[in-house]
Amino acid sequence: MKQLLTITIALLTLINPSPSVAQAVTDQSVNSVLWVQKSAEYRALCYQAYNLAELRVKEYLAKWDKTKPAAVIFDIDETILDNSPSEVLNIIEGQSFSDTGWKAWVGKASATPVAGSLEFCQFVTRNDLQIFYVTNRTNHESTATLMNMQKWSFPFADRNHLYCKSSTSGKEMRRNIIKNQYDVVLLVGDNLADFDQVFEDRTVNFGFHTVDSLRTEFGKKFIVLPNPMYGDWTKPLTGDRKSWLTPPGK
């Protein structure tokens, strides 16, 4: 795959050396996609996250009196479903992210489970906890999304447990609907905004202060999956990305 990507990018540059294509290829960060697809470390981190999540659920079950039903809230993309092939397509085609390309990918319903995700979801279900999927996929994408999840036998892959984006990408309102009815044991995601709206603002110190102030919640209430390919972390990094690098001594 690495050789294929290298050759393809070189050919794209020769065929059409326009700044737009060159920028699109650069923006995709080939190494980030390769790390997700080819590094054992990425896979190990996913297993680590879900192993820790299972330990936390077991701790909860030991004290649960069942007076209120309990649930785990999941994000979908790069949390339970791996969409890295869609990033590869963008790189090969010399394109940056687009709604059209994304909708085409979702429509294929061919994303595969993130390592450890399916096993953990099945563990949660065996222990009488509900699962809810809160995603920023749109309602128009819900049918293909459920088809993709059902293909892998993810539990609770139905419309009653899928909360898609309607008018806003913020998830707090959707999470609160679930919290009003269930004791939420864990929130699992690859983006900090999957956990609480307080993480949505990255304008001050990239959100580091907010993370520091809630550091005890990570691994306890919040389970984070690795995703170097995209996310809210890139939003403050405007202009030349190299200008944001921190050299030694700074």
C-alpha atoms as a PDB file:
ATOM      1  CA  MET A   1       0.000   0.000   0.000  1.00  0.00           C
ATOM      2  CA  LYS A   2       2.839   2.406   0.842  1.00  0.00           C
ATOM      3  CA  GLN A   3       4.434   1.870  -2.571  1.00  0.00           C
ATOM      4  CA  LEU A   4       1.056   2.312  -4.278  1.00  0.00           C
ATOM      5  CA  LEU A   5       0.399   5.618  -2.517  1.00  0.00           C
ATOM      6  CA  THR A   6       3.902   6.905  -3.256  1.00  0.00           C
ATOM      7  CA  ILE A   7       3.704   6.033  -6.959  1.00  0.00           C
ATOM      8  CA  THR A   8       0.179   7.413  -7.315  1.00  0.00           C
ATOM      9  CA  ILE A   9       1.049  10.734  -5.680  1.00  0.00           C
ATOM     10  CA  ALA A  10       4.111  11.070  -7.889  1.00  0.00           C
ATOM     11  CA  LEU A  11       2.018  10.417 -11.015  1.00  0.00           C
ATOM     12  CA  LEU A  12      -0.599  12.951  -9.942  1.00  0.00           C
ATOM     13  CA  THR A  13       2.094  15.566  -9.538  1.00  0.00           C
ATOM     14  CA  LEU A  14       3.491  14.863 -13.006  1.00  0.00           C
ATOM     15  CA  ILE A  15       0.120  14.757 -14.732  1.00  0.00           C
ATOM     16  CA  ASN A  16      -1.321  17.808 -13.035  1.00  0.00           C
ATOM     17  CA  PRO A  17       1.192  19.804 -11.028  1.00  0.00           C
ATOM     18  CA  SER A  18      -1.342  22.515 -10.162  1.00  0.00           C
ATOM     19  CA  PRO A  19      -1.184  24.015  -6.636  1.00  0.00           C
ATOM     20  CA  SER A  20      -4.714  22.770  -5.871  1.00  0.00           C
ATOM     21  CA  VAL A  21      -3.803  19.113  -6.452  1.00  0.00           C
ATOM     22  CA  ALA A  22      -0.492  19.441  -4.658  1.00  0.00           C
ATOM     23  CA  GLN A  23      -2.232  21.063  -1.683  1.00  0.00           C
ATOM     24  CA  ALA A  24      -4.956  18.406  -1.619  1.00  0.00           C
ATOM     25  CA  VAL A  25      -2.380  15.617  -1.533  1.00  0.00           C
ATOM     26  CA  THR A  26      -0.394  17.391   1.179  1.00  0.00           C
ATOM     27  CA  ASP A  27      -3.474  17.940   3.293  1.00  0.00           C
ATOM     28  CA  GLN A  28      -4.259  14.252   3.422  1.00  0.00           C
ATOM     29  CA  SER A  29      -1.094  13.415   5.355  1.00  0.00           C
ATOM     30  CA  VAL A  30      -0.201  10.040   3.909  1.00  0.00           C
ATOM     31  CA  ASN A  31       1.728   9.043   7.011  1.00  0.00           C
ATOM     32  CA  SER A  32      -1.360   9.503   9.185  1.00  0.00           C
ATOM     33  CA  VAL A  33      -3.392   7.123   7.044  1.00  0.00           C
ATOM     34  CA  LEU A  34      -0.544   4.625   6.830  1.00  0.00           C
ATOM     35  CA  TRP A  35      -0.190   4.710  10.619  1.00  0.00           C
ATOM     36  CA  VAL A  36      -3.846   3.759  11.034  1.00  0.00           C
ATOM     37  CA  GLN A  37      -3.683   1.005   8.413  1.00  0.00           C
ATOM     38  CA  LYS A  38      -0.196  -0.431   8.854  1.00  0.00           C
ATOM     39  CA  SER A  39       1.079   0.210  12.379  1.00  0.00           C
ATOM     40  CA  ALA A  40       0.621  -2.413  15.055  1.00  0.00           C
ATOM     41  CA  GLU A  41       0.825   0.432  17.571  1.00  0.00           C
ATOM     42  CA  TYR A  42      -2.458   1.896  16.341  1.00  0.00           C
ATOM     43  CA  ARG A  43      -4.143  -1.477  16.663  1.00  0.00           C
ATOM     44  CA  ALA A  44      -2.680  -1.957  20.133  1.00  0.00           C
ATOM     45  CA  LEU A  45      -3.984   1.442  21.271  1.00  0.00           C
ATOM     46  CA  CYS A  46      -7.494   0.528  20.113  1.00  0.00           C
ATOM     47  CA  TYR A  47      -7.367  -2.724  22.056  1.00  0.00           C
ATOM     48  CA  GLN A  48      -5.985  -0.846  25.057  1.00  0.00           C
ATOM     49  CA  ALA A  49      -8.887   1.632  24.966  1.00  0.00           C
ATOM     50  CA  TYR A  50     -11.511  -1.088  24.769  1.00  0.00           C
ATOM     51  CA  ASN A  51      -9.794  -3.273  27.385  1.00  0.00           C
ATOM     52  CA  LEU A  52      -9.877  -0.312  29.765  1.00  0.00           C
ATOM     53  CA  ALA A  53     -13.511   0.351  28.863  1.00  0.00           C
ATOM     54  CA  GLU A  54     -14.381  -3.238  29.771  1.00  0.00           C
ATOM     55  CA  LEU A  55     -12.673  -2.874  33.159  1.00  0.00           C
ATOM     56  CA  ARG A  56     -14.689   0.278  33.869  1.00  0.00           C
ATOM     57  CA  VAL A  57     -17.952  -1.442  32.959  1.00  0.00           C
ATOM     58  CA  LYS A  58     -17.098  -4.367  35.231  1.00  0.00           C
ATOM     59  CA  GLU A  59     -16.473  -1.916  38.085  1.00  0.00           C
ATOM     60  CA  TYR A  60     -19.847  -0.323  37.423  1.00  0.00           C
ATOM     61  CA  LEU A  61     -21.649  -3.667  37.270  1.00  0.00           C
ATOM     62  CA  ALA A  62     -20.280  -4.644  40.672  1.00  0.00           C
ATOM     63  CA  LYS A  63     -22.164  -1.687  42.227  1.00  0.00           C
ATOM     64  CA  TRP A  64     -25.163  -1.350  39.886  1.00  0.00           C
ATOM     65  CA  ASP A  65     -28.501  -1.766  41.693  1.00  0.00           C
ATOM     66  CA  LYS A  66     -30.485  -1.549  38.421  1.00  0.00           C
ATOM     67  CA  THR A  67     -32.863   1.100  39.777  1.00  0.00           C
ATOM     68  CA  LYS A  68     -32.070   3.083  36.629  1.00  0.00           C
ATOM     69  CA  PRO A  69     -31.185   1.533  33.273  1.00  0.00           C
ATOM     70  CA  ALA A  70     -27.600   2.064  32.175  1.00  0.00           C
ATOM     71  CA  ALA A  71     -25.983   2.727  28.824  1.00  0.00           C
ATOM     72  CA  VAL A  72     -22.741   3.400  26.980  1.00  0.00           C
ATOM     73  CA  ILE A  73     -22.627   6.150  24.359  1.00  0.00           C
ATOM     74  CA  PHE A  74     -20.447   5.649  21.284  1.00  0.00           C
ATOM     75  CA  ASP A  75     -19.343   7.840  18.438  1.00  0.00           C
ATOM     76  CA  ILE A  76     -19.196   5.888  15.156  1.00  0.00           C
ATOM     77  CA  ASP A  77     -16.460   7.063  12.784  1.00  0.00           C
ATOM     78  CA  GLU A  78     -12.950   6.026  13.842  1.00  0.00           C
ATOM     79  CA  THR A  79     -14.522   4.783  17.089  1.00  0.00           C
ATOM     80  CA  ILE A  80     -16.350   1.650  15.969  1.00  0.00           C
ATOM     81  CA  LEU A  81     -16.021   1.954  12.161  1.00  0.00           C
ATOM     82  CA  ASP A  82     -12.713   2.407  10.318  1.00  0.00           C
ATOM     83  CA  ASN A  83     -13.047   4.850   7.417  1.00  0.00           C
ATOM     84  CA  SER A  84      -9.367   5.029   6.500  1.00  0.00           C
ATOM     85  CA  PRO A  85     -10.039   3.558   3.013  1.00  0.00           C
ATOM     86  CA  SER A  86     -12.026   6.698   2.196  1.00  0.00           C
ATOM     87  CA  GLU A  87      -8.960   8.764   3.082  1.00  0.00           C
ATOM     88  CA  VAL A  88      -6.900   6.565   0.754  1.00  0.00           C
ATOM     89  CA  LEU A  89      -9.336   7.260  -2.080  1.00  0.00           C
ATOM     90  CA  ASN A  90      -8.953  10.996  -1.499  1.00  0.00           C
ATOM     91  CA  ILE A  91      -5.172  10.691  -1.635  1.00  0.00           C
ATOM     92  CA  ILE A  92      -5.180   8.599  -4.815  1.00  0.00           C
ATOM     93  CA  GLU A  93      -7.596  11.001  -6.488  1.00  0.00           C
ATOM     94  CA  GLY A  94      -5.692  14.062  -5.292  1.00  0.00           C
ATOM     95  CA  GLN A  95      -8.761  15.404  -3.526  1.00  0.00           C
ATOM     96  CA  SER A  96      -9.379  16.866  -0.115  1.00  0.00           C
ATOM     97  CA  PHE A  97     -12.438  15.930   1.914  1.00  0.00           C
ATOM     98  CA  SER A  98     -15.778  16.648   0.213  1.00  0.00           C
ATOM     99  CA  ASP A  99     -19.400  15.971   1.122  1.00  0.00           C
ATOM    100  CA  THR A 100     -19.885  14.237  -2.224  1.00  0.00           C
ATOM    101  CA  GLY A 101     -16.970  11.877  -1.703  1.00  0.00           C
ATOM    102  CA  TRP A 102     -17.983  11.171   1.881  1.00  0.00           C
ATOM    103  CA  LYS A 103     -21.587  10.379   0.963  1.00  0.00           C
ATOM    104  CA  ALA A 104     -20.377   8.010  -1.745  1.00  0.00           C
ATOM    105  CA  TRP A 105     -18.175   6.222   0.777  1.00  0.00           C
ATOM    106  CA  VAL A 106     -20.926   5.967   3.402  1.00  0.00           C
ATOM    107  CA  GLY A 107     -23.304   4.629   0.751  1.00  0.00           C
ATOM    108  CA  LYS A 108     -21.026   1.666   0.147  1.00  0.00           C
ATOM    109  CA  ALA A 109     -21.521   0.528   3.756  1.00  0.00           C
ATOM    110  CA  SER A 110     -18.106  -1.095   3.597  1.00  0.00           C
ATOM    111  CA  ALA A 111     -16.297   0.310   6.639  1.00  0.00           C
ATOM    112  CA  THR A 112     -14.822  -2.357   8.916  1.00  0.00           C
ATOM    113  CA  PRO A 113     -14.851  -2.481  12.734  1.00  0.00           C
ATOM    114  CA  VAL A 114     -12.165  -0.673  14.676  1.00  0.00           C
ATOM    115  CA  ALA A 115     -10.079  -3.253  16.551  1.00  0.00           C
ATOM    116  CA  GLY A 116     -11.779  -4.248  19.811  1.00  0.00           C
ATOM    117  CA  SER A 117     -14.962  -2.268  19.187  1.00  0.00           C
ATOM    118  CA  LEU A 118     -17.309  -5.092  18.227  1.00  0.00           C
ATOM    119  CA  GLU A 119     -16.153  -7.334  21.057  1.00  0.00           C
ATOM    120  CA  PHE A 120     -16.678  -4.569  23.592  1.00  0.00           C
ATOM    121  CA  CYS A 121     -20.139  -3.728  22.267  1.00  0.00           C
ATOM    122  CA  GLN A 122     -21.097  -7.375  22.555  1.00  0.00           C
ATOM    123  CA  PHE A 123     -19.731  -7.467  26.114  1.00  0.00           C
ATOM    124  CA  VAL A 124     -21.823  -4.429  27.029  1.00  0.00           C
ATOM    125  CA  THR A 125     -24.962  -6.041  25.629  1.00  0.00           C
ATOM    126  CA  ARG A 126     -24.369  -9.348  27.423  1.00  0.00           C
ATOM    127  CA  ASN A 127     -24.386  -7.414  30.686  1.00  0.00           C
ATOM    128  CA  ASP A 128     -27.805  -5.814  30.132  1.00  0.00           C
ATOM    129  CA  LEU A 129     -26.561  -2.341  29.289  1.00  0.00           C
ATOM    130  CA  GLN A 130     -27.973  -0.357  26.388  1.00  0.00           C
ATOM    131  CA  ILE A 131     -25.844   1.128  23.603  1.00  0.00           C
ATOM    132  CA  PHE A 132     -26.476   4.428  21.830  1.00  0.00           C
ATOM    133  CA  TYR A 133     -24.598   5.722  18.811  1.00  0.00           C
ATOM    134  CA  VAL A 134     -24.316   9.519  18.639  1.00  0.00           C
ATOM    135  CA  THR A 135     -22.799  10.466  15.315  1.00  0.00           C
ATOM    136  CA  ASN A 136     -22.393  13.465  13.047  1.00  0.00           C
ATOM    137  CA  ARG A 137     -23.409  11.423  10.074  1.00  0.00           C
ATOM    138  CA  THR A 138     -26.637  12.931   8.771  1.00  0.00           C
ATOM    139  CA  ASN A 139     -30.137  11.484   8.896  1.00  0.00           C
ATOM    140  CA  HIS A 140     -29.885  10.935   5.140  1.00  0.00           C
ATOM    141  CA  GLU A 141     -26.951   8.616   5.817  1.00  0.00           C
ATOM    142  CA  SER A 142     -28.688   6.628   8.546  1.00  0.00           C
ATOM    143  CA  THR A 143     -29.893   3.753   6.355  1.00  0.00           C
ATOM    144  CA  ALA A 144     -26.446   3.034   4.909  1.00  0.00           C
ATOM    145  CA  THR A 145     -24.891   3.497   8.358  1.00  0.00           C
ATOM    146  CA  LEU A 146     -27.194   0.954   9.962  1.00  0.00           C
ATOM    147  CA  MET A 147     -26.630  -1.430   7.061  1.00  0.00           C
ATOM    148  CA  ASN A 148     -22.887  -1.183   7.595  1.00  0.00           C
ATOM    149  CA  MET A 149     -23.208  -1.790  11.338  1.00  0.00           C
ATOM    150  CA  GLN A 150     -25.657  -4.653  10.903  1.00  0.00           C
ATOM    151  CA  LYS A 151     -23.279  -6.291   8.449  1.00  0.00           C
ATOM    152  CA  TRP A 152     -20.865  -6.754  11.368  1.00  0.00           C
ATOM    153  CA  SER A 153     -23.612  -7.563  13.893  1.00  0.00           C
ATOM    154  CA  PHE A 154     -23.111  -4.498  16.082  1.00  0.00           C
ATOM    155  CA  PRO A 155     -25.778  -4.659  18.808  1.00  0.00           C
ATOM    156  CA  PHE A 156     -28.562  -2.049  18.943  1.00  0.00           C
ATOM    157  CA  ALA A 157     -27.928  -1.084  15.315  1.00  0.00           C
ATOM    158  CA  ASP A 158     -31.416   0.321  14.862  1.00  0.00           C
ATOM    159  CA  ARG A 159     -33.070   3.717  14.528  1.00  0.00           C
ATOM    160  CA  ASN A 160     -34.041   3.872  18.191  1.00  0.00           C
ATOM    161  CA  HIS A 161     -30.385   3.789  19.216  1.00  0.00           C
ATOM    162  CA  LEU A 162     -28.869   5.915  16.440  1.00  0.00           C
ATOM    163  CA  TYR A 163     -28.713   9.679  16.950  1.00  0.00           C
ATOM    164  CA  CYS A 164     -27.566  11.417  13.764  1.00  0.00           C
ATOM    165  CA  LYS A 165     -26.790  15.082  13.168  1.00  0.00           C
ATOM    166  CA  SER A 166     -29.752  17.225  12.223  1.00  0.00           C
ATOM    167  CA  SER A 167     -29.113  20.960  12.464  1.00  0.00           C
ATOM    168  CA  THR A 168     -25.870  21.156  14.433  1.00  0.00           C
ATOM    169  CA  SER A 169     -22.723  19.088  14.849  1.00  0.00           C
ATOM    170  CA  GLY A 170     -22.763  19.699  18.602  1.00  0.00           C
ATOM    171  CA  LYS A 171     -23.744  16.489  20.395  1.00  0.00           C
ATOM    172  CA  GLU A 172     -24.697  17.814  23.827  1.00  0.00           C
ATOM    173  CA  MET A 173     -28.453  17.953  23.194  1.00  0.00           C
ATOM    174  CA  ARG A 174     -28.497  14.413  21.848  1.00  0.00           C
ATOM    175  CA  ARG A 175     -26.406  13.133  24.754  1.00  0.00           C
ATOM    176  CA  ASN A 176     -28.731  14.829  27.254  1.00  0.00           C
ATOM    177  CA  ILE A 177     -31.763  13.043  25.803  1.00  0.00           C
ATOM    178  CA  ILE A 178     -30.047   9.758  26.599  1.00  0.00           C
ATOM    179  CA  LYS A 179     -28.778  10.921  30.009  1.00  0.00           C
ATOM    180  CA  ASN A 180     -32.302  11.855  31.051  1.00  0.00           C
ATOM    181  CA  GLN A 181     -33.353   8.232  30.697  1.00  0.00           C
ATOM    182  CA  TYR A 182     -30.178   6.260  31.395  1.00  0.00           C
ATOM    183  CA  ASP A 183     -27.226   6.264  33.702  1.00  0.00           C
ATOM    184  CA  VAL A 184     -24.391   6.774  31.208  1.00  0.00           C
ATOM    185  CA  VAL A 185     -21.496   4.583  32.289  1.00  0.00           C
ATOM    186  CA  LEU A 186     -19.006   5.604  29.588  1.00  0.00           C
ATOM    187  CA  LEU A 187     -18.639   7.797  26.538  1.00  0.00           C
ATOM    188  CA  VAL A 188     -16.404   6.413  23.792  1.00  0.00           C
ATOM    189  CA  GLY A 189     -15.039   8.466  20.891  1.00  0.00           C
ATOM    190  CA  ASP A 190     -12.049   9.681  18.891  1.00  0.00           C
ATOM    191  CA  ASN A 191     -12.777  13.407  19.235  1.00  0.00           C
ATOM    192  CA  LEU A 192     -13.015  15.278  22.528  1.00  0.00           C
ATOM    193  CA  ALA A 193     -16.355  16.803  21.538  1.00  0.00           C
ATOM    194  CA  ASP A 194     -17.727  13.244  21.674  1.00  0.00           C
ATOM    195  CA  PHE A 195     -17.585  13.552  25.471  1.00  0.00           C
ATOM    196  CA  ASP A 196     -18.705  17.037  26.496  1.00  0.00           C
ATOM    197  CA  GLN A 197     -19.462  20.370  24.842  1.00  0.00           C
ATOM    198  CA  VAL A 198     -16.773  22.019  26.967  1.00  0.00           C
ATOM    199  CA  PHE A 199     -14.233  20.504  24.554  1.00  0.00           C
ATOM    200  CA  GLU A 200     -15.728  22.149  21.475  1.00  0.00           C
ATOM    201  CA  ASP A 201     -13.730  25.381  21.869  1.00  0.00           C
ATOM    202  CA  ARG A 202     -10.093  24.886  20.833  1.00  0.00           C
ATOM    203  CA  THR A 203      -9.296  28.581  20.407  1.00  0.00           C
ATOM    204  CA  VAL A 204      -7.474  28.891  23.741  1.00  0.00           C
ATOM    205  CA  ASN A 205      -4.247  26.889  23.905  1.00  0.00           C
ATOM    206  CA  PHE A 206      -5.715  24.255  21.544  1.00  0.00           C
ATOM    207  CA  GLY A 207      -7.988  23.039  24.345  1.00  0.00           C
ATOM    208  CA  PHE A 208      -5.057  21.820  26.459  1.00  0.00           C
ATOM    209  CA  HIS A 209      -6.258  23.690  29.579  1.00  0.00           C
ATOM    210  CA  THR A 210      -9.674  22.059  29.348  1.00  0.00           C
ATOM    211  CA  VAL A 211      -8.135  18.619  29.003  1.00  0.00           C
ATOM    212  CA  ASP A 212      -5.834  19.276  31.969  1.00  0.00           C
ATOM    213  CA  SER A 213      -8.764  20.385  34.129  1.00  0.00           C
ATOM    214  CA  LEU A 214     -10.637  17.130  33.380  1.00  0.00           C
ATOM    215  CA  ARG A 215      -7.653  14.801  33.271  1.00  0.00           C
ATOM    216  CA  THR A 216      -9.104  12.405  35.865  1.00  0.00           C
ATOM    217  CA  GLU A 217     -12.063  11.638  33.580  1.00  0.00           C
ATOM    218  CA  PHE A 218      -9.924  10.122  30.821  1.00  0.00           C
ATOM    219  CA  GLY A 219      -9.873   6.372  31.231  1.00  0.00           C
ATOM    220  CA  LYS A 220     -12.597   6.710  33.866  1.00  0.00           C
ATOM    221  CA  LYS A 221     -15.638   8.224  32.131  1.00  0.00           C
ATOM    222  CA  PHE A 222     -14.134   9.149  28.762  1.00  0.00           C
ATOM    223  CA  ILE A 223     -12.502   6.488  26.555  1.00  0.00           C
ATOM    224  CA  VAL A 224     -10.474   8.002  23.685  1.00  0.00           C
ATOM    225  CA  LEU A 225      -9.623   6.187  20.450  1.00  0.00           C
ATOM    226  CA  PRO A 226      -6.621   7.377  18.387  1.00  0.00           C
ATOM    227  CA  ASN A 227      -7.258   9.253  15.124  1.00  0.00           C
ATOM    228  CA  PRO A 228      -4.404  11.206  13.490  1.00  0.00           C
ATOM    229  CA  MET A 229      -6.233  11.576  10.155  1.00  0.00           C
ATOM    230  CA  TYR A 230      -8.750  14.322  10.950  1.00  0.00           C
ATOM    231  CA  GLY A 231     -10.724  15.929  13.774  1.00  0.00           C
ATOM    232  CA  ASP A 232     -11.368  19.129  15.675  1.00  0.00           C
ATOM    233  CA  TRP A 233      -7.692  19.283  16.643  1.00  0.00           C
ATOM    234  CA  THR A 234      -6.891  20.539  13.129  1.00  0.00           C
ATOM    235  CA  LYS A 235      -9.308  23.496  13.202  1.00  0.00           C
ATOM    236  CA  PRO A 236      -6.985  26.035  14.922  1.00  0.00           C
ATOM    237  CA  LEU A 237      -4.104  25.104  12.592  1.00  0.00           C
ATOM    238  CA  THR A 238      -4.821  27.629   9.872  1.00  0.00           C
ATOM    239  CA  GLY A 239      -2.412  28.585   7.102  1.00  0.00           C
ATOM    240  CA  ASP A 240       0.972  26.913   6.763  1.00  0.00           C
ATOM    241  CA  ARG A 241       0.958  23.880   9.073  1.00  0.00           C
ATOM    242  CA  LYS A 242       4.733  24.052   9.486  1.00  0.00           C
ATOM    243  CA  SER A 243       4.392  27.407  11.215  1.00  0.00           C
ATOM    244  CA  TRP A 244       2.620  25.675  14.109  1.00  0.00           C
ATOM    245  CA  LEU A 245       5.487  23.312  14.864  1.00  0.00           C
ATOM    246  CA  THR A 246       7.227  23.899  18.190  1.00  0.00           C
ATOM    247  CA  PRO A 247      11.052  23.873  17.835  1.00  0.00           C
ATOM    248  CA  PRO A 248      13.395  22.870  20.666  1.00  0.00           C
ATOM    249  CA  GLY A 249      13.593  25.365  23.488  1.00  0.00           C
ATOM    250  CA  LYS A 250      10.208  26.983  22.799  1.00  0.00           C
END
